[in-house]
């Protein structure tokens, strides 16, 4: 579940739609071991739930076999955290404990948190078909549709199972070819350097041709 969609939200209890809760439990074999970002209205009903003010999910250890998280999409100004901290925790916990993790987040492929914690770290992504995913608001199915596209991200090993369960809900993409690669800044530098080399080669060719 989530502690809020954004920093200006009047409601801090936005929940995962029921159809996705069912799909997540199906994928995990019937139950979810940990929901590290739960709230009092949660319909996820994970075996272990971290929720404020009792537990800060970012400070707790996620040493659980199966984890589902629908993190806050905005910033927590008091704690100085954003969604990037939650996604980094997903990637770290999968690597550290080999946890199978699903996260429902906005599609933001150009951001640093996708480049650092999704690409090169996650196994697959399901880009959801919903044009405006409708979250539960304070436990009720009365919320407005999300203004952004959303995706289910998977850190784990069983791509075939992920595809089988989530193809009904969105376009499932295997990103295992990126595992272990540095995406973003270093790649941009490499591309920039390659462009400079190409430009220099081109300029040398022109100079040679002019003065031949």
N, C-alpha and C. Protein backbone atom coordinates (compact mmCIF):
# COMPACT_ATOMS: atom_id res chain seq x y z
N UNK A 1 0.84 -1.19 0.00
CA UNK A 1 0.00 0.00 0.00
C UNK A 1 0.87 1.23 0.00
N UNK A 2 0.25 2.39 0.02
CA UNK A 2 1.03 3.62 -0.07
C UNK A 2 0.67 4.59 1.04
N UNK A 3 1.65 5.41 1.38
CA UNK A 3 1.43 6.45 2.38
C UNK A 3 1.07 7.75 1.73
N UNK A 4 0.71 7.76 0.48
CA UNK A 4 0.27 8.99 -0.17
C UNK A 4 0.81 9.12 -1.58
N UNK A 5 0.05 9.71 -2.46
CA UNK A 5 0.49 9.84 -3.84
C UNK A 5 1.47 11.00 -4.01
N UNK A 6 1.24 12.11 -3.33
CA UNK A 6 2.16 13.24 -3.49
C UNK A 6 2.15 14.09 -2.24
N UNK A 7 3.08 15.03 -2.19
CA UNK A 7 3.29 15.81 -0.98
C UNK A 7 2.11 16.72 -0.66
N UNK A 8 1.32 17.07 -1.65
CA UNK A 8 0.19 17.98 -1.43
C UNK A 8 -1.12 17.26 -1.20
N UNK A 9 -1.09 15.93 -1.21
CA UNK A 9 -2.32 15.16 -1.06
C UNK A 9 -2.94 15.34 0.32
N UNK A 10 -4.25 15.57 0.37
CA UNK A 10 -4.94 15.67 1.64
C UNK A 10 -5.12 14.30 2.26
N UNK A 11 -5.21 13.28 1.44
CA UNK A 11 -5.33 11.92 1.93
C UNK A 11 -3.97 11.24 1.85
N UNK A 12 -3.57 10.59 2.95
CA UNK A 12 -2.28 9.91 2.97
C UNK A 12 -2.45 8.40 2.91
N UNK A 13 -3.62 7.94 2.51
CA UNK A 13 -3.88 6.50 2.46
C UNK A 13 -4.49 6.11 1.12
N UNK A 14 -3.62 5.98 0.14
CA UNK A 14 -4.04 5.56 -1.18
C UNK A 14 -3.64 4.12 -1.37
N UNK A 15 -4.59 3.30 -1.81
CA UNK A 15 -4.35 1.86 -1.85
C UNK A 15 -4.38 1.24 -3.22
N UNK A 16 -3.72 0.09 -3.33
CA UNK A 16 -3.67 -0.67 -4.57
C UNK A 16 -5.05 -1.19 -4.95
N UNK A 17 -5.46 -1.03 -6.21
CA UNK A 17 -6.75 -1.59 -6.65
C UNK A 17 -6.82 -3.10 -6.41
N UNK A 18 -8.01 -3.59 -6.10
CA UNK A 18 -8.21 -4.98 -5.71
C UNK A 18 -7.71 -5.96 -6.78
N UNK A 19 -7.92 -5.65 -8.05
CA UNK A 19 -7.52 -6.61 -9.09
C UNK A 19 -6.01 -6.84 -9.08
N UNK A 20 -5.25 -5.81 -8.71
CA UNK A 20 -3.80 -5.98 -8.66
C UNK A 20 -3.37 -6.70 -7.39
N UNK A 21 -4.08 -6.47 -6.30
CA UNK A 21 -3.80 -7.22 -5.07
C UNK A 21 -3.98 -8.71 -5.33
N UNK A 22 -5.06 -9.07 -6.02
CA UNK A 22 -5.32 -10.48 -6.34
C UNK A 22 -4.22 -11.05 -7.23
N UNK A 23 -3.79 -10.27 -8.23
CA UNK A 23 -2.74 -10.73 -9.14
C UNK A 23 -1.42 -10.93 -8.41
N UNK A 24 -1.10 -10.01 -7.52
CA UNK A 24 0.15 -10.09 -6.75
C UNK A 24 0.15 -11.32 -5.86
N UNK A 25 -0.97 -11.59 -5.21
CA UNK A 25 -1.06 -12.77 -4.35
C UNK A 25 -1.00 -14.06 -5.18
N UNK A 26 -1.61 -14.03 -6.34
CA UNK A 26 -1.52 -15.19 -7.24
C UNK A 26 -0.07 -15.43 -7.62
N UNK A 27 0.64 -14.37 -7.97
CA UNK A 27 2.04 -14.49 -8.36
C UNK A 27 2.90 -15.05 -7.23
N UNK A 28 2.62 -14.61 -6.01
CA UNK A 28 3.41 -15.04 -4.85
C UNK A 28 2.89 -16.34 -4.22
N UNK A 29 1.94 -16.98 -4.86
CA UNK A 29 1.46 -18.26 -4.36
C UNK A 29 0.42 -18.18 -3.27
N UNK A 30 -0.27 -17.04 -3.17
CA UNK A 30 -1.40 -16.94 -2.24
C UNK A 30 -1.26 -15.92 -1.13
N UNK A 31 -0.03 -15.55 -0.79
CA UNK A 31 0.15 -14.58 0.29
C UNK A 31 1.39 -13.74 0.04
N UNK A 32 1.49 -12.63 0.76
CA UNK A 32 2.62 -11.70 0.64
C UNK A 32 3.30 -11.64 2.00
N UNK A 33 4.60 -11.87 2.03
CA UNK A 33 5.31 -11.90 3.32
C UNK A 33 5.45 -10.51 3.93
N UNK A 34 5.72 -9.48 3.09
CA UNK A 34 5.95 -8.14 3.64
C UNK A 34 5.35 -7.07 2.75
N UNK A 35 4.66 -6.13 3.40
CA UNK A 35 4.27 -4.86 2.78
C UNK A 35 4.96 -3.78 3.60
N UNK A 36 6.08 -3.21 3.11
CA UNK A 36 6.86 -2.27 3.91
C UNK A 36 6.32 -0.85 3.93
N UNK A 37 5.22 -0.61 3.22
CA UNK A 37 4.66 0.74 3.16
C UNK A 37 3.14 0.66 3.26
N UNK A 38 2.67 0.09 4.34
CA UNK A 38 1.25 -0.17 4.52
C UNK A 38 0.56 1.03 5.18
N UNK A 39 -0.75 0.91 5.38
CA UNK A 39 -1.51 1.91 6.12
C UNK A 39 -2.74 1.24 6.73
N UNK A 40 -3.46 1.96 7.54
CA UNK A 40 -4.56 1.37 8.29
C UNK A 40 -5.70 0.86 7.41
N UNK A 41 -5.77 1.32 6.17
CA UNK A 41 -6.85 0.90 5.27
C UNK A 41 -6.40 -0.20 4.30
N UNK A 42 -5.23 -0.73 4.49
CA UNK A 42 -4.65 -1.68 3.54
C UNK A 42 -5.55 -2.89 3.28
N UNK A 43 -5.68 -3.24 2.01
CA UNK A 43 -6.38 -4.48 1.65
C UNK A 43 -5.36 -5.53 1.18
N UNK A 44 -4.08 -5.19 1.24
CA UNK A 44 -3.04 -6.13 0.86
C UNK A 44 -2.96 -7.26 1.88
N UNK A 45 -3.06 -6.90 3.17
CA UNK A 45 -3.04 -7.87 4.26
C UNK A 45 -1.83 -8.81 4.19
N UNK A 46 -0.66 -8.19 4.10
CA UNK A 46 0.57 -8.97 4.11
C UNK A 46 0.79 -9.57 5.49
N UNK A 47 1.58 -10.63 5.55
CA UNK A 47 1.86 -11.28 6.83
C UNK A 47 2.56 -10.33 7.80
N UNK A 48 3.44 -9.50 7.27
CA UNK A 48 4.10 -8.46 8.06
C UNK A 48 3.88 -7.13 7.37
N UNK A 49 3.50 -6.10 8.13
CA UNK A 49 3.25 -4.78 7.56
C UNK A 49 4.02 -3.72 8.36
N UNK A 50 4.73 -2.85 7.65
CA UNK A 50 5.35 -1.69 8.27
C UNK A 50 4.51 -0.49 7.91
N UNK A 51 4.15 0.29 8.89
CA UNK A 51 3.39 1.50 8.60
C UNK A 51 3.73 2.58 9.62
N UNK A 52 3.73 3.82 9.15
CA UNK A 52 3.94 4.96 10.03
C UNK A 52 2.71 5.16 10.89
N UNK A 53 2.84 5.65 12.13
CA UNK A 53 4.08 6.09 12.78
C UNK A 53 4.79 4.96 13.55
N UNK A 54 4.30 3.74 13.41
CA UNK A 54 4.83 2.63 14.20
C UNK A 54 6.16 2.11 13.65
N UNK A 55 6.23 1.97 12.33
CA UNK A 55 7.45 1.47 11.70
C UNK A 55 7.75 2.29 10.45
N UNK A 56 9.00 2.69 10.31
CA UNK A 56 9.43 3.37 9.10
C UNK A 56 10.03 2.32 8.17
N UNK A 57 9.31 2.00 7.09
CA UNK A 57 9.72 0.95 6.19
C UNK A 57 11.11 1.14 5.59
N UNK A 58 11.55 2.38 5.47
CA UNK A 58 12.87 2.62 4.91
C UNK A 58 13.99 2.31 5.90
N UNK A 59 13.66 2.28 7.19
CA UNK A 59 14.66 2.00 8.21
C UNK A 59 14.69 0.53 8.62
N UNK A 60 13.60 -0.18 8.31
CA UNK A 60 13.51 -1.60 8.69
C UNK A 60 14.25 -2.48 7.67
N UNK A 61 14.66 -3.65 8.10
CA UNK A 61 15.25 -4.62 7.18
C UNK A 61 14.14 -5.35 6.43
N UNK A 62 14.37 -5.60 5.15
CA UNK A 62 13.38 -6.29 4.33
C UNK A 62 13.83 -7.72 4.06
N UNK A 63 14.18 -8.44 5.08
CA UNK A 63 14.64 -9.82 4.92
C UNK A 63 13.44 -10.76 4.90
N UNK A 64 12.69 -10.70 3.80
CA UNK A 64 11.47 -11.50 3.62
C UNK A 64 11.49 -12.10 2.23
N UNK A 65 10.92 -13.28 2.05
CA UNK A 65 10.99 -13.95 0.75
C UNK A 65 10.18 -13.27 -0.35
N UNK A 66 8.99 -12.73 0.00
CA UNK A 66 8.14 -12.05 -0.98
C UNK A 66 7.71 -10.70 -0.43
N UNK A 67 7.83 -9.69 -1.27
CA UNK A 67 7.56 -8.30 -0.85
C UNK A 67 6.75 -7.60 -1.92
N UNK A 68 5.73 -6.87 -1.48
CA UNK A 68 4.99 -6.00 -2.39
C UNK A 68 4.97 -4.60 -1.81
N UNK A 69 5.24 -3.61 -2.66
CA UNK A 69 5.24 -2.23 -2.19
C UNK A 69 4.57 -1.30 -3.20
N UNK A 70 3.71 -0.45 -2.69
CA UNK A 70 3.12 0.65 -3.45
C UNK A 70 3.55 1.91 -2.70
N UNK A 71 4.73 2.44 -3.02
CA UNK A 71 5.33 3.51 -2.21
C UNK A 71 4.70 4.87 -2.44
N UNK A 72 4.97 5.84 -1.56
CA UNK A 72 4.54 7.22 -1.82
C UNK A 72 5.15 7.71 -3.12
N UNK A 73 4.36 8.35 -3.94
CA UNK A 73 4.86 8.82 -5.23
C UNK A 73 5.50 10.20 -5.14
N UNK A 74 5.25 10.91 -4.05
CA UNK A 74 5.82 12.23 -3.88
C UNK A 74 6.94 12.24 -2.87
N UNK A 75 7.20 13.42 -2.30
CA UNK A 75 8.30 13.58 -1.35
C UNK A 75 7.79 13.71 0.08
N UNK A 76 8.55 13.15 1.01
CA UNK A 76 8.29 13.34 2.43
C UNK A 76 9.27 14.40 2.90
N UNK A 77 8.79 15.62 3.03
CA UNK A 77 9.68 16.74 3.35
C UNK A 77 10.27 16.63 4.74
N UNK A 78 9.52 16.05 5.66
CA UNK A 78 10.04 15.91 7.02
C UNK A 78 11.22 14.95 7.08
N UNK A 79 11.13 13.86 6.35
CA UNK A 79 12.18 12.84 6.37
C UNK A 79 13.21 13.05 5.26
N UNK A 80 12.87 13.89 4.30
CA UNK A 80 13.78 14.15 3.20
C UNK A 80 13.91 12.97 2.26
N UNK A 81 12.82 12.19 2.09
CA UNK A 81 12.87 11.01 1.23
C UNK A 81 11.88 11.16 0.08
N UNK A 82 12.14 10.41 -0.98
CA UNK A 82 11.26 10.39 -2.15
C UNK A 82 11.13 8.95 -2.64
N UNK A 83 10.42 8.77 -3.73
CA UNK A 83 10.23 7.42 -4.29
C UNK A 83 11.57 6.77 -4.64
N UNK A 84 12.57 7.58 -4.94
CA UNK A 84 13.87 6.98 -5.30
C UNK A 84 14.45 6.17 -4.15
N UNK A 85 14.18 6.58 -2.90
CA UNK A 85 14.68 5.85 -1.74
C UNK A 85 14.00 4.48 -1.63
N UNK A 86 12.71 4.43 -1.95
CA UNK A 86 11.97 3.17 -1.88
C UNK A 86 12.42 2.20 -2.97
N UNK A 87 12.64 2.71 -4.17
CA UNK A 87 13.09 1.84 -5.25
C UNK A 87 14.53 1.35 -5.00
N UNK A 88 15.35 2.22 -4.43
CA UNK A 88 16.71 1.80 -4.09
C UNK A 88 16.68 0.69 -3.05
N UNK A 89 15.74 0.77 -2.10
CA UNK A 89 15.59 -0.26 -1.08
C UNK A 89 15.14 -1.58 -1.71
N UNK A 90 14.28 -1.50 -2.73
CA UNK A 90 13.85 -2.70 -3.44
C UNK A 90 15.04 -3.40 -4.08
N UNK A 91 15.83 -2.63 -4.82
CA UNK A 91 16.98 -3.20 -5.52
C UNK A 91 17.99 -3.78 -4.53
N UNK A 92 18.23 -3.05 -3.43
CA UNK A 92 19.20 -3.50 -2.42
C UNK A 92 18.72 -4.77 -1.73
N UNK A 93 17.44 -4.82 -1.37
CA UNK A 93 16.91 -5.98 -0.65
C UNK A 93 16.89 -7.23 -1.52
N UNK A 94 16.61 -7.04 -2.80
CA UNK A 94 16.66 -8.20 -3.71
C UNK A 94 18.09 -8.73 -3.79
N UNK A 95 19.03 -7.83 -3.91
CA UNK A 95 20.43 -8.24 -4.02
C UNK A 95 20.93 -8.86 -2.71
N UNK A 96 20.55 -8.28 -1.58
CA UNK A 96 21.06 -8.71 -0.27
C UNK A 96 20.41 -10.00 0.22
N UNK A 97 19.08 -10.11 0.04
CA UNK A 97 18.34 -11.24 0.60
C UNK A 97 17.75 -12.17 -0.46
N UNK A 98 17.93 -11.82 -1.73
CA UNK A 98 17.32 -12.58 -2.83
C UNK A 98 15.80 -12.58 -2.73
N UNK A 99 15.25 -11.51 -2.19
CA UNK A 99 13.79 -11.37 -2.05
C UNK A 99 13.15 -11.21 -3.42
N UNK A 100 11.96 -11.78 -3.57
CA UNK A 100 11.15 -11.57 -4.76
C UNK A 100 10.29 -10.34 -4.48
N UNK A 101 10.44 -9.29 -5.30
CA UNK A 101 9.81 -8.01 -4.99
C UNK A 101 9.01 -7.48 -6.17
N UNK A 102 7.79 -7.02 -5.87
CA UNK A 102 6.96 -6.31 -6.84
C UNK A 102 6.69 -4.91 -6.32
N UNK A 103 6.75 -3.92 -7.23
CA UNK A 103 6.47 -2.54 -6.84
C UNK A 103 5.58 -1.88 -7.88
N UNK A 104 4.53 -1.22 -7.41
CA UNK A 104 3.62 -0.49 -8.28
C UNK A 104 4.01 0.98 -8.24
N UNK A 105 4.52 1.50 -9.36
CA UNK A 105 5.07 2.86 -9.38
C UNK A 105 4.71 3.59 -10.67
N UNK A 106 4.89 4.92 -10.71
CA UNK A 106 4.67 5.65 -11.95
C UNK A 106 5.73 5.30 -12.98
N UNK A 107 5.34 5.33 -14.24
CA UNK A 107 6.31 5.13 -15.33
C UNK A 107 7.10 6.43 -15.47
N UNK A 108 8.40 6.34 -15.21
CA UNK A 108 9.26 7.53 -15.28
C UNK A 108 10.65 7.08 -15.72
N UNK A 109 10.71 6.58 -16.94
CA UNK A 109 11.93 5.93 -17.42
C UNK A 109 13.11 6.89 -17.60
N UNK A 110 12.83 8.20 -17.60
CA UNK A 110 13.90 9.17 -17.79
C UNK A 110 14.51 9.63 -16.47
N UNK A 111 13.98 9.15 -15.34
CA UNK A 111 14.44 9.62 -14.03
C UNK A 111 15.64 8.84 -13.52
N UNK A 112 16.34 9.45 -12.57
CA UNK A 112 17.49 8.80 -11.97
C UNK A 112 17.13 7.53 -11.24
N UNK A 113 15.95 7.50 -10.57
CA UNK A 113 15.61 6.30 -9.79
C UNK A 113 15.29 5.11 -10.68
N UNK A 114 14.77 5.34 -11.87
CA UNK A 114 14.58 4.21 -12.79
C UNK A 114 15.94 3.75 -13.34
N UNK A 115 16.79 4.68 -13.67
CA UNK A 115 18.10 4.33 -14.22
C UNK A 115 18.97 3.61 -13.20
N UNK A 116 18.83 3.99 -11.91
CA UNK A 116 19.69 3.43 -10.88
C UNK A 116 19.13 2.17 -10.22
N UNK A 117 17.80 2.07 -10.12
CA UNK A 117 17.22 0.97 -9.34
C UNK A 117 16.35 0.01 -10.14
N UNK A 118 15.94 0.41 -11.33
CA UNK A 118 15.11 -0.46 -12.17
C UNK A 118 15.95 -1.04 -13.30
N UNK A 119 16.39 -0.21 -14.22
CA UNK A 119 17.23 -0.67 -15.31
C UNK A 119 18.59 -1.12 -14.76
N UNK A 120 18.95 -2.33 -15.09
CA UNK A 120 20.21 -2.88 -14.59
C UNK A 120 20.08 -3.59 -13.27
N UNK A 121 18.88 -3.51 -12.63
CA UNK A 121 18.67 -4.14 -11.33
C UNK A 121 17.45 -5.06 -11.33
N UNK A 122 16.36 -4.61 -11.94
CA UNK A 122 15.12 -5.41 -11.96
C UNK A 122 15.13 -6.42 -13.10
N UNK A 123 14.27 -7.42 -12.99
CA UNK A 123 14.19 -8.49 -13.99
C UNK A 123 13.23 -8.17 -15.11
N UNK A 124 12.10 -7.50 -14.76
CA UNK A 124 11.08 -7.24 -15.77
C UNK A 124 10.18 -6.09 -15.33
N UNK A 125 9.43 -5.56 -16.30
CA UNK A 125 8.47 -4.49 -16.04
C UNK A 125 7.18 -4.81 -16.78
N UNK A 126 6.06 -4.59 -16.10
CA UNK A 126 4.75 -4.68 -16.75
C UNK A 126 4.19 -3.27 -16.84
N UNK A 127 4.13 -2.73 -18.05
CA UNK A 127 3.56 -1.40 -18.26
C UNK A 127 2.04 -1.56 -18.34
N UNK A 128 1.35 -1.12 -17.31
CA UNK A 128 -0.08 -1.39 -17.16
C UNK A 128 -0.92 -0.74 -18.25
N UNK A 129 -1.96 -1.48 -18.66
CA UNK A 129 -2.85 -0.99 -19.71
C UNK A 129 -3.75 0.15 -19.24
N UNK A 130 -4.02 0.24 -17.94
CA UNK A 130 -4.93 1.26 -17.43
C UNK A 130 -4.49 2.65 -17.86
N UNK A 131 -5.41 3.40 -18.46
CA UNK A 131 -5.07 4.78 -18.84
C UNK A 131 -5.03 5.68 -17.61
N UNK A 132 -5.90 5.42 -16.64
CA UNK A 132 -5.90 6.17 -15.38
C UNK A 132 -6.18 5.17 -14.25
N UNK A 133 -5.10 4.60 -13.73
CA UNK A 133 -5.23 3.61 -12.67
C UNK A 133 -5.92 4.23 -11.46
N UNK A 134 -7.00 3.58 -11.02
CA UNK A 134 -7.83 4.13 -9.95
C UNK A 134 -7.47 3.51 -8.60
N UNK A 135 -6.77 4.25 -7.77
CA UNK A 135 -6.38 3.78 -6.46
C UNK A 135 -7.54 3.87 -5.47
N UNK A 136 -7.50 3.01 -4.45
CA UNK A 136 -8.45 3.14 -3.35
C UNK A 136 -8.06 4.37 -2.52
N UNK A 137 -9.05 5.08 -2.02
CA UNK A 137 -8.79 6.24 -1.18
C UNK A 137 -9.37 5.99 0.20
N UNK A 138 -8.46 5.90 1.18
CA UNK A 138 -8.87 5.57 2.55
C UNK A 138 -9.70 4.29 2.60
N UNK A 139 -9.29 3.32 1.80
CA UNK A 139 -9.95 2.02 1.80
C UNK A 139 -11.18 1.92 0.94
N UNK A 140 -11.56 3.00 0.28
CA UNK A 140 -12.78 3.02 -0.53
C UNK A 140 -12.45 3.18 -2.01
N UNK A 141 -13.27 2.54 -2.85
CA UNK A 141 -13.08 2.61 -4.29
C UNK A 141 -13.78 3.86 -4.83
N UNK A 142 -13.29 5.03 -4.38
CA UNK A 142 -13.90 6.30 -4.78
C UNK A 142 -12.87 7.29 -5.29
N UNK A 143 -11.62 6.87 -5.33
CA UNK A 143 -10.55 7.78 -5.72
C UNK A 143 -10.56 8.10 -7.20
N UNK A 144 -9.91 9.21 -7.54
CA UNK A 144 -9.77 9.60 -8.93
C UNK A 144 -8.65 8.78 -9.57
N UNK A 145 -8.72 8.68 -10.89
CA UNK A 145 -7.68 7.96 -11.60
C UNK A 145 -6.35 8.68 -11.52
N UNK A 146 -5.27 7.92 -11.49
CA UNK A 146 -3.94 8.51 -11.42
C UNK A 146 -3.67 9.32 -12.69
N UNK A 147 -3.01 10.47 -12.58
CA UNK A 147 -2.75 11.32 -13.74
C UNK A 147 -1.57 10.84 -14.58
N UNK A 148 -0.93 9.73 -14.14
CA UNK A 148 0.24 9.24 -14.86
C UNK A 148 0.09 7.75 -15.17
N UNK A 149 0.84 7.28 -16.15
CA UNK A 149 0.88 5.84 -16.42
C UNK A 149 1.64 5.15 -15.29
N UNK A 150 1.27 3.89 -15.02
CA UNK A 150 1.90 3.15 -13.93
C UNK A 150 2.44 1.81 -14.43
N UNK A 151 3.36 1.26 -13.66
CA UNK A 151 3.97 -0.01 -14.04
C UNK A 151 4.18 -0.86 -12.80
N UNK A 152 4.21 -2.18 -13.01
CA UNK A 152 4.57 -3.13 -11.96
C UNK A 152 5.99 -3.59 -12.27
N UNK A 153 6.89 -3.32 -11.35
CA UNK A 153 8.30 -3.69 -11.52
C UNK A 153 8.58 -4.96 -10.73
N UNK A 154 9.41 -5.82 -11.32
CA UNK A 154 9.72 -7.11 -10.70
C UNK A 154 11.22 -7.31 -10.55
N UNK A 155 11.65 -7.46 -9.28
CA UNK A 155 13.01 -7.88 -8.96
C UNK A 155 12.91 -9.34 -8.54
N UNK A 156 13.42 -10.24 -9.35
CA UNK A 156 13.30 -11.66 -9.02
C UNK A 156 13.85 -12.53 -10.13
N UNK A 157 13.53 -13.81 -10.08
CA UNK A 157 14.11 -14.78 -11.00
C UNK A 157 13.12 -15.39 -12.00
N UNK A 158 11.84 -15.44 -11.63
CA UNK A 158 10.88 -16.21 -12.42
C UNK A 158 10.13 -15.33 -13.42
N UNK A 159 10.81 -15.00 -14.51
CA UNK A 159 10.18 -14.14 -15.52
C UNK A 159 8.96 -14.80 -16.14
N UNK A 160 9.04 -16.09 -16.41
CA UNK A 160 7.92 -16.80 -17.05
C UNK A 160 6.65 -16.69 -16.21
N UNK A 161 6.80 -16.83 -14.90
CA UNK A 161 5.66 -16.71 -14.00
C UNK A 161 5.12 -15.28 -14.00
N UNK A 162 6.02 -14.32 -13.97
CA UNK A 162 5.63 -12.91 -14.00
C UNK A 162 4.86 -12.60 -15.29
N UNK A 163 5.36 -13.10 -16.39
CA UNK A 163 4.69 -12.89 -17.68
C UNK A 163 3.30 -13.52 -17.67
N UNK A 164 3.23 -14.74 -17.19
CA UNK A 164 1.96 -15.48 -17.18
C UNK A 164 0.88 -14.76 -16.38
N UNK A 165 1.25 -14.20 -15.23
CA UNK A 165 0.27 -13.56 -14.37
C UNK A 165 -0.08 -12.15 -14.83
N UNK A 166 0.92 -11.37 -15.27
CA UNK A 166 0.69 -9.94 -15.49
C UNK A 166 0.45 -9.54 -16.94
N UNK A 167 0.58 -10.44 -17.88
CA UNK A 167 0.30 -10.08 -19.27
C UNK A 167 -1.16 -9.67 -19.44
N UNK A 168 -2.02 -10.13 -18.56
CA UNK A 168 -3.43 -9.74 -18.59
C UNK A 168 -3.61 -8.26 -18.28
N UNK A 169 -2.67 -7.69 -17.54
CA UNK A 169 -2.82 -6.33 -17.04
C UNK A 169 -1.96 -5.29 -17.75
N UNK A 170 -0.99 -5.76 -18.55
CA UNK A 170 -0.14 -4.80 -19.22
C UNK A 170 0.89 -5.47 -20.12
N UNK A 171 1.68 -4.65 -20.79
CA UNK A 171 2.74 -5.14 -21.67
C UNK A 171 3.94 -5.52 -20.81
N UNK A 172 4.27 -6.80 -20.79
CA UNK A 172 5.36 -7.30 -19.96
C UNK A 172 6.66 -7.29 -20.77
N UNK A 173 7.67 -6.65 -20.21
CA UNK A 173 8.94 -6.50 -20.91
C UNK A 173 10.06 -7.13 -20.08
N UNK A 174 10.83 -7.99 -20.72
CA UNK A 174 11.99 -8.62 -20.10
C UNK A 174 13.18 -7.66 -20.22
N UNK A 175 13.72 -7.20 -19.09
CA UNK A 175 14.86 -6.28 -19.13
C UNK A 175 16.11 -6.93 -18.54
N UNK A 176 16.15 -8.26 -18.58
CA UNK A 176 17.29 -8.96 -17.99
C UNK A 176 18.59 -8.69 -18.75
N UNK A 177 18.49 -8.25 -20.01
CA UNK A 177 19.70 -7.94 -20.77
C UNK A 177 20.44 -6.73 -20.19
N UNK A 178 19.78 -5.99 -19.30
CA UNK A 178 20.41 -4.82 -18.68
C UNK A 178 21.01 -5.13 -17.31
N UNK A 179 20.77 -6.33 -16.78
CA UNK A 179 21.22 -6.65 -15.43
C UNK A 179 22.73 -6.47 -15.29
N UNK A 180 23.11 -5.75 -14.24
CA UNK A 180 24.51 -5.53 -13.95
C UNK A 180 25.15 -4.38 -14.69
N UNK A 181 24.41 -3.77 -15.60
CA UNK A 181 24.96 -2.66 -16.37
C UNK A 181 24.66 -1.33 -15.68
N UNK A 182 25.56 -0.37 -15.81
CA UNK A 182 25.34 0.97 -15.28
C UNK A 182 24.57 1.77 -16.32
N UNK A 183 23.40 2.22 -15.93
CA UNK A 183 22.53 2.95 -16.85
C UNK A 183 22.46 4.41 -16.42
N UNK A 184 22.57 5.31 -17.39
CA UNK A 184 22.41 6.71 -17.04
C UNK A 184 23.66 7.53 -17.26
N UNK A 185 24.22 8.06 -16.17
CA UNK A 185 25.30 9.03 -16.26
C UNK A 185 26.52 8.47 -16.99
N UNK A 186 26.96 7.29 -16.56
CA UNK A 186 28.15 6.71 -17.18
C UNK A 186 27.91 6.40 -18.64
N UNK A 187 26.69 5.91 -18.94
CA UNK A 187 26.37 5.60 -20.32
C UNK A 187 26.32 6.86 -21.16
N UNK A 188 25.82 7.95 -20.56
CA UNK A 188 25.75 9.22 -21.27
C UNK A 188 27.15 9.73 -21.57
N UNK A 189 28.06 9.60 -20.59
CA UNK A 189 29.44 10.01 -20.80
C UNK A 189 30.09 9.21 -21.90
N UNK A 190 29.82 7.89 -21.89
CA UNK A 190 30.38 7.02 -22.91
C UNK A 190 29.88 7.42 -24.29
N UNK A 191 28.58 7.70 -24.36
CA UNK A 191 27.99 8.10 -25.63
C UNK A 191 28.59 9.42 -26.09
N UNK A 192 28.79 10.35 -25.13
CA UNK A 192 29.35 11.66 -25.44
C UNK A 192 30.78 11.53 -25.96
N UNK A 193 31.56 10.65 -25.28
CA UNK A 193 32.93 10.43 -25.69
C UNK A 193 32.99 9.79 -27.08
N UNK A 194 32.08 8.84 -27.31
CA UNK A 194 32.03 8.18 -28.61
C UNK A 194 31.70 9.18 -29.70
N UNK A 195 30.80 10.12 -29.38
CA UNK A 195 30.40 11.14 -30.35
C UNK A 195 31.59 12.04 -30.66
N UNK A 196 32.36 12.41 -29.61
CA UNK A 196 33.53 13.25 -29.81
C UNK A 196 34.54 12.57 -30.71
N UNK A 197 34.74 11.26 -30.46
CA UNK A 197 35.69 10.50 -31.28
C UNK A 197 35.23 10.47 -32.73
N UNK A 198 33.91 10.25 -32.90
CA UNK A 198 33.35 10.21 -34.25
C UNK A 198 33.49 11.56 -34.93
N UNK A 199 33.23 12.65 -34.17
CA UNK A 199 33.35 14.00 -34.72
C UNK A 199 34.77 14.30 -35.13
N UNK A 200 35.72 13.89 -34.25
CA UNK A 200 37.13 14.14 -34.56
C UNK A 200 37.56 13.38 -35.80
N UNK A 201 37.10 12.13 -35.91
CA UNK A 201 37.42 11.33 -37.08
C UNK A 201 36.86 11.97 -38.34
N UNK A 202 35.64 12.49 -38.22
CA UNK A 202 34.99 13.14 -39.35
C UNK A 202 35.74 14.39 -39.75
N UNK A 203 36.14 15.20 -38.74
CA UNK A 203 36.88 16.43 -39.01
C UNK A 203 38.23 16.14 -39.62
N UNK A 204 38.90 15.08 -39.13
CA UNK A 204 40.19 14.70 -39.68
C UNK A 204 40.06 14.29 -41.14
N UNK A 205 38.94 13.58 -41.43
CA UNK A 205 38.68 13.15 -42.81
C UNK A 205 38.50 14.36 -43.72
N UNK A 206 37.73 15.36 -43.22
CA UNK A 206 37.49 16.56 -44.02
C UNK A 206 38.79 17.31 -44.24
N UNK A 207 39.61 17.46 -43.15
CA UNK A 207 40.88 18.17 -43.26
C UNK A 207 41.81 17.49 -44.25
N UNK A 208 41.89 16.14 -44.14
CA UNK A 208 42.74 15.40 -45.05
C UNK A 208 42.28 15.58 -46.49
N UNK A 209 40.99 15.56 -46.68
CA UNK A 209 40.45 15.68 -48.03
C UNK A 209 40.73 17.06 -48.61
N UNK A 210 40.62 18.10 -47.76
CA UNK A 210 40.81 19.46 -48.23
C UNK A 210 42.26 19.75 -48.59
N UNK A 211 43.17 19.13 -47.81
CA UNK A 211 44.58 19.47 -48.00
C UNK A 211 45.35 18.39 -48.77
N UNK A 212 44.63 17.43 -49.30
CA UNK A 212 45.31 16.37 -50.06
C UNK A 212 45.80 16.94 -51.39
